[in-house]
C-alpha atoms as a PDB file:
ATOM      1  CA  MET A   1     -41.421 -17.955  -7.703  1.00  0.00           C
ATOM      2  CA  SER A   2     -39.380 -18.894  -4.670  1.00  0.00           C
ATOM      3  CA  TYR A   3     -39.279 -17.567  -1.144  1.00  0.00           C
ATOM      4  CA  LEU A   4     -36.194 -17.273   1.003  1.00  0.00           C
ATOM      5  CA  GLY A   5     -36.099 -16.441   4.688  1.00  0.00           C
ATOM      6  CA  ILE A   6     -33.140 -14.358   5.816  1.00  0.00           C
ATOM      7  CA  SER A   7     -32.029 -12.695   9.029  1.00  0.00           C
ATOM      8  CA  VAL A   8     -32.218  -8.968   9.642  1.00  0.00           C
ATOM      9  CA  LYS A   9     -28.418  -8.902   9.555  1.00  0.00           C
ATOM     10  CA  GLU A  10     -28.285 -10.578   6.135  1.00  0.00           C
ATOM     11  CA  ALA A  11     -30.809  -8.113   4.752  1.00  0.00           C
ATOM     12  CA  ILE A  12     -29.004  -5.077   6.144  1.00  0.00           C
ATOM     13  CA  ASN A  13     -25.634  -6.312   4.898  1.00  0.00           C
ATOM     14  CA  SER A  14     -27.097  -6.680   1.389  1.00  0.00           C
ATOM     15  CA  ILE A  15     -28.171  -3.039   1.260  1.00  0.00           C
ATOM     16  CA  ASN A  16     -25.829  -0.878  -0.870  1.00  0.00           C
ATOM     17  CA  ASN A  17     -23.380  -3.797  -1.039  1.00  0.00           C
ATOM     18  CA  GLY A  18     -20.769  -3.627  -3.793  1.00  0.00           C
ATOM     19  CA  VAL A  19     -21.490  -7.239  -4.822  1.00  0.00           C
ATOM     20  CA  ASN A  20     -25.102  -8.418  -5.262  1.00  0.00           C
ATOM     21  CA  GLY A  21     -26.243  -5.257  -3.517  1.00  0.00           C
ATOM     22  CA  TRP A  22     -29.827  -4.234  -2.859  1.00  0.00           C
ATOM     23  CA  PHE A  23     -30.794  -0.816  -4.202  1.00  0.00           C
ATOM     24  CA  LEU A  24     -33.889   1.266  -4.897  1.00  0.00           C
ATOM     25  CA  PRO A  25     -35.171   1.732  -8.450  1.00  0.00           C
ATOM     26  CA  ALA A  26     -35.595   5.393  -9.416  1.00  0.00           C
ATOM     27  CA  ILE A  27     -39.360   4.920  -9.677  1.00  0.00           C
ATOM     28  CA  GLN A  28     -39.635   4.195  -5.921  1.00  0.00           C
ATOM     29  CA  ARG A  29     -41.210   6.949  -3.860  1.00  0.00           C
ATOM     30  CA  PRO A  30     -39.040   8.631  -1.219  1.00  0.00           C
ATOM     31  CA  TYR A  31     -38.709   7.221   2.283  1.00  0.00           C
ATOM     32  CA  VAL A  32     -41.654   8.511   4.329  1.00  0.00           C
ATOM     33  CA  TRP A  33     -41.568   6.664   7.649  1.00  0.00           C
ATOM     34  CA  GLY A  34     -38.911   8.979   9.038  1.00  0.00           C
ATOM     35  CA  SER A  35     -40.848  12.157   8.369  1.00  0.00           C
ATOM     36  CA  ARG A  36     -44.315  11.064   9.439  1.00  0.00           C
ATOM     37  CA  TYR A  37     -45.927  12.280  12.642  1.00  0.00           C
ATOM     38  CA  GLU A  38     -44.774  10.233  15.656  1.00  0.00           C
ATOM     39  CA  ASN A  39     -42.224   8.388  13.495  1.00  0.00           C
ATOM     40  CA  GLU A  40     -40.491   6.769  16.469  1.00  0.00           C
ATOM     41  CA  LEU A  41     -43.774   5.159  17.486  1.00  0.00           C
ATOM     42  CA  TYR A  42     -43.995   3.426  14.084  1.00  0.00           C
ATOM     43  CA  ILE A  43     -40.352   2.401  14.282  1.00  0.00           C
ATOM     44  CA  CYS A  44     -40.849   0.972  17.787  1.00  0.00           C
ATOM     45  CA  LYS A  45     -43.835  -0.985  16.489  1.00  0.00           C
ATOM     46  CA  LEU A  46     -41.666  -2.470  13.734  1.00  0.00           C
ATOM     47  CA  PHE A  47     -39.012  -3.547  16.241  1.00  0.00           C
ATOM     48  CA  ASP A  48     -41.683  -4.776  18.646  1.00  0.00           C
ATOM     49  CA  SER A  49     -43.096  -7.018  15.906  1.00  0.00           C
ATOM     50  CA  ILE A  50     -39.649  -8.339  15.054  1.00  0.00           C
ATOM     51  CA  LEU A  51     -38.764  -9.038  18.671  1.00  0.00           C
ATOM     52  CA  LYS A  52     -42.040 -10.851  19.238  1.00  0.00           C
ATOM     53  CA  GLY A  53     -41.400 -13.011  16.200  1.00  0.00           C
ATOM     54  CA  TYR A  54     -44.308 -11.630  14.201  1.00  0.00           C
ATOM     55  CA  PRO A  55     -43.958 -11.546  10.422  1.00  0.00           C
ATOM     56  CA  ILE A  56     -43.124  -8.120   9.062  1.00  0.00           C
ATOM     57  CA  GLY A  57     -44.023  -8.834   5.464  1.00  0.00           C
ATOM     58  CA  GLY A  58     -42.150  -9.991   2.435  1.00  0.00           C
ATOM     59  CA  LEU A  59     -39.936  -8.137   0.014  1.00  0.00           C
ATOM     60  CA  ILE A  60     -40.188  -7.934  -3.732  1.00  0.00           C
ATOM     61  CA  ILE A  61     -36.667  -7.910  -5.151  1.00  0.00           C
ATOM     62  CA  TRP A  62     -35.756  -7.990  -8.844  1.00  0.00           C
ATOM     63  CA  ASN A  63     -32.324  -8.990 -10.154  1.00  0.00           C
ATOM     64  CA  THR A  64     -31.837  -7.533 -13.618  1.00  0.00           C
ATOM     65  CA  GLU A  65     -29.126  -6.570 -16.068  1.00  0.00           C
ATOM     66  CA  GLU A  66     -31.453  -4.022 -17.668  1.00  0.00           C
ATOM     67  CA  PRO A  67     -30.071  -0.469 -17.516  1.00  0.00           C
ATOM     68  CA  ILE A  68     -32.536   0.748 -14.903  1.00  0.00           C
ATOM     69  CA  PRO A  69     -31.750   3.953 -12.991  1.00  0.00           C
ATOM     70  CA  TYR A  70     -31.418   3.313  -9.267  1.00  0.00           C
ATOM     71  CA  ARG A  71     -30.255   4.929  -6.046  1.00  0.00           C
ATOM     72  CA  GLU A  72     -28.690   3.741  -2.814  1.00  0.00           C
ATOM     73  CA  PHE A  73     -30.450   3.546   0.525  1.00  0.00           C
ATOM     74  CA  ILE A  74     -29.788   6.492   2.845  1.00  0.00           C
ATOM     75  CA  LYS A  75     -27.127   5.711   5.435  1.00  0.00           C
ATOM     76  CA  ASP A  76     -27.557   8.528   7.947  1.00  0.00           C
ATOM     77  CA  TYR A  77     -31.210   9.462   7.621  1.00  0.00           C
ATOM     78  CA  LEU A  78     -32.305  13.066   8.095  1.00  0.00           C
ATOM     79  CA  PRO A  79     -35.825  14.303   7.266  1.00  0.00           C
ATOM     80  CA  GLY A  80     -36.138  15.671   3.752  1.00  0.00           C
ATOM     81  CA  GLU A  81     -32.954  14.032   2.495  1.00  0.00           C
ATOM     82  CA  LEU A  82     -33.298  12.676  -1.031  1.00  0.00           C
ATOM     83  CA  PRO A  83     -30.562  10.363  -2.253  1.00  0.00           C
ATOM     84  CA  LYS A  84     -29.161  10.927  -5.716  1.00  0.00           C
ATOM     85  CA  LEU A  85     -29.205   8.331  -8.463  1.00  0.00           C
ATOM     86  CA  VAL A  86     -26.024   6.310  -8.896  1.00  0.00           C
ATOM     87  CA  ASP A  87     -23.824   7.019 -11.899  1.00  0.00           C
ATOM     88  CA  LYS A  88     -25.531   6.153 -15.183  1.00  0.00           C
ATOM     89  CA  GLY A  89     -22.645   3.830 -16.051  1.00  0.00           C
ATOM     90  CA  LEU A  90     -23.729   1.499 -13.220  1.00  0.00           C
ATOM     91  CA  HIS A  91     -27.383   1.191 -14.269  1.00  0.00           C
ATOM     92  CA  GLY A  92     -26.682  -1.943 -16.325  1.00  0.00           C
ATOM     93  CA  ARG A  93     -24.602  -3.803 -13.755  1.00  0.00           C
ATOM     94  CA  LYS A  94     -25.430  -7.497 -13.503  1.00  0.00           C
ATOM     95  CA  ASP A  95     -25.304  -7.889  -9.740  1.00  0.00           C
ATOM     96  CA  LYS A  96     -27.890  -5.333  -8.668  1.00  0.00           C
ATOM     97  CA  TRP A  97     -31.087  -6.339  -6.884  1.00  0.00           C
ATOM     98  CA  LEU A  98     -33.833  -3.713  -6.943  1.00  0.00           C
ATOM     99  CA  ILE A  99     -36.281  -3.430  -4.053  1.00  0.00           C
ATOM    100  CA  TYR A 100     -39.812  -2.910  -5.329  1.00  0.00           C
ATOM    101  CA  ASP A 101     -41.590  -3.612  -2.045  1.00  0.00           C
ATOM    102  CA  GLY A 102     -40.097  -3.290   1.430  1.00  0.00           C
ATOM    103  CA  GLN A 103     -38.247   0.017   1.175  1.00  0.00           C
ATOM    104  CA  GLN A 104     -39.812   1.595   4.271  1.00  0.00           C
ATOM    105  CA  ARG A 105     -39.008  -1.362   6.521  1.00  0.00           C
ATOM    106  CA  LEU A 106     -35.520  -1.892   5.092  1.00  0.00           C
ATOM    107  CA  GLN A 107     -34.586   1.810   5.240  1.00  0.00           C
ATOM    108  CA  THR A 108     -35.741   1.975   8.843  1.00  0.00           C
ATOM    109  CA  LEU A 109     -33.725  -1.087   9.853  1.00  0.00           C
ATOM    110  CA  TYR A 110     -30.675   0.028   7.868  1.00  0.00           C
ATOM    111  CA  SER A 111     -30.535   3.519   9.358  1.00  0.00           C
ATOM    112  CA  CYS A 112     -31.519   2.536  12.898  1.00  0.00           C
ATOM    113  CA  LEU A 113     -29.225  -0.469  13.229  1.00  0.00           C
ATOM    114  CA  LYS A 114     -26.204   0.289  11.088  1.00  0.00           C
ATOM    115  CA  HIS A 115     -26.009   4.069  10.773  1.00  0.00           C
ATOM    116  CA  THR A 116     -28.015   6.932  12.290  1.00  0.00           C
ATOM    117  CA  PHE A 117     -31.639   7.979  12.259  1.00  0.00           C
ATOM    118  CA  ASN A 118     -32.423  11.668  12.847  1.00  0.00           C
ATOM    119  CA  GLU A 119     -28.856  12.019  14.194  1.00  0.00           C
ATOM    120  CA  LYS A 120     -29.424   9.298  16.796  1.00  0.00           C
ATOM    121  CA  GLY A 121     -26.794   6.629  17.290  1.00  0.00           C
ATOM    122  CA  SER A 122     -27.110   3.036  16.280  1.00  0.00           C
ATOM    123  CA  PRO A 123     -26.881  -0.111  18.420  1.00  0.00           C
ATOM    124  CA  GLN A 124     -24.250  -1.742  16.232  1.00  0.00           C
ATOM    125  CA  VAL A 125     -23.578  -4.360  18.879  1.00  0.00           C
ATOM    126  CA  LEU A 126     -26.754  -6.105  17.714  1.00  0.00           C
ATOM    127  CA  MET A 127     -25.373  -6.342  14.199  1.00  0.00           C
ATOM    128  CA  GLU A 128     -21.953  -7.522  15.356  1.00  0.00           C
ATOM    129  CA  LYS A 129     -23.458 -10.318  17.434  1.00  0.00           C
ATOM    130  CA  ASN A 130     -25.577 -11.602  14.502  1.00  0.00           C
ATOM    131  CA  PHE A 131     -28.697 -10.840  16.533  1.00  0.00           C
ATOM    132  CA  HIS A 132     -31.749 -12.229  14.699  1.00  0.00           C
ATOM    133  CA  PHE A 133     -34.410 -10.408  16.720  1.00  0.00           C
ATOM    134  CA  THR A 134     -36.165 -13.500  17.914  1.00  0.00           C
ATOM    135  CA  ALA A 135     -37.826 -13.767  21.271  1.00  0.00           C
ATOM    136  CA  PRO A 136     -40.332 -16.176  22.769  1.00  0.00           C
ATOM    137  CA  LEU A 137     -43.906 -15.179  21.985  1.00  0.00           C
ATOM    138  CA  ASP A 138     -44.698 -14.839  25.683  1.00  0.00           C
ATOM    139  CA  CYS A 139     -42.078 -12.128  26.169  1.00  0.00           C
ATOM    140  CA  HIS A 140     -42.948  -8.572  27.034  1.00  0.00           C
ATOM    141  CA  ILE A 141     -40.930  -6.023  25.081  1.00  0.00           C
ATOM    142  CA  GLN A 142     -40.464  -2.616  26.663  1.00  0.00           C
ATOM    143  CA  PHE A 143     -38.946   0.363  24.892  1.00  0.00           C
ATOM    144  CA  THR A 144     -37.392   3.055  27.051  1.00  0.00           C
ATOM    145  CA  THR A 145     -35.047   5.973  26.567  1.00  0.00           C
ATOM    146  CA  VAL A 146     -31.401   5.629  27.546  1.00  0.00           C
ATOM    147  CA  LYS A 147     -30.489   7.934  30.442  1.00  0.00           C
ATOM    148  CA  GLU A 148     -27.157   9.015  28.950  1.00  0.00           C
ATOM    149  CA  ASP A 149     -28.752   9.775  25.572  1.00  0.00           C
ATOM    150  CA  PRO A 150     -32.461  10.584  25.822  1.00  0.00           C
ATOM    151  CA  CYS A 151     -32.821  10.300  22.048  1.00  0.00           C
ATOM    152  CA  SER A 152     -31.768   6.646  22.006  1.00  0.00           C
ATOM    153  CA  ILE A 153     -34.223   3.837  22.428  1.00  0.00           C
ATOM    154  CA  ALA A 154     -33.332   0.752  24.461  1.00  0.00           C
ATOM    155  CA  PHE A 155     -35.396  -2.356  24.897  1.00  0.00           C
ATOM    156  CA  GLU A 156     -35.684  -5.056  27.486  1.00  0.00           C
ATOM    157  CA  ALA A 157     -37.240  -8.436  26.939  1.00  0.00           C
ATOM    158  CA  SER A 158     -38.663 -10.230  29.930  1.00  0.00           C
ATOM    159  CA  LYS A 159     -40.855 -13.219  30.663  1.00  0.00           C
ATOM    160  CA  PRO A 160     -44.287 -12.507  32.152  1.00  0.00           C
ATOM    161  CA  SER A 161     -42.960 -13.552  35.568  1.00  0.00           C
ATOM    162  CA  GLY A 162     -40.674 -10.522  35.449  1.00  0.00           C
ATOM    163  CA  ARG A 163     -37.391 -12.372  34.939  1.00  0.00           C
ATOM    164  CA  SER A 164     -35.198 -10.905  32.218  1.00  0.00           C
ATOM    165  CA  LEU A 165     -34.236 -13.150  29.334  1.00  0.00           C
END
């Protein structure tokens, strides 16, 4: 077994990709982080961990040619939305990678950073700038709402002395 470290951008760009794409096997439970009580608190904690450089766990990904039913990740997440399985003719494709552990984290990152989450916009600038979500461990991360769009979450990283990074 081998381990490979990748950036958040690399992971997100692999999701639903037409070549060597990451997908969800049909046996995976539905996405639940988005519908749980105080979901934005859990999402902020995920981003807080990433920004502080804490590990957020590994993924279990299986590359197989077996004809296993699978579905795509949800692009624009809305509570209660259940994605449909991909066409049966694609189940045996050789370049599919099935996510068996990590769906909740990946779906959250995918919707929040590249698409929409509960109809809230995405900060695509982070993706375009190849932002790896690394910050010195002594940084303070603060999440606040954006004045123009109270549903959006912004963050500011600063050193303990109060100077912004």
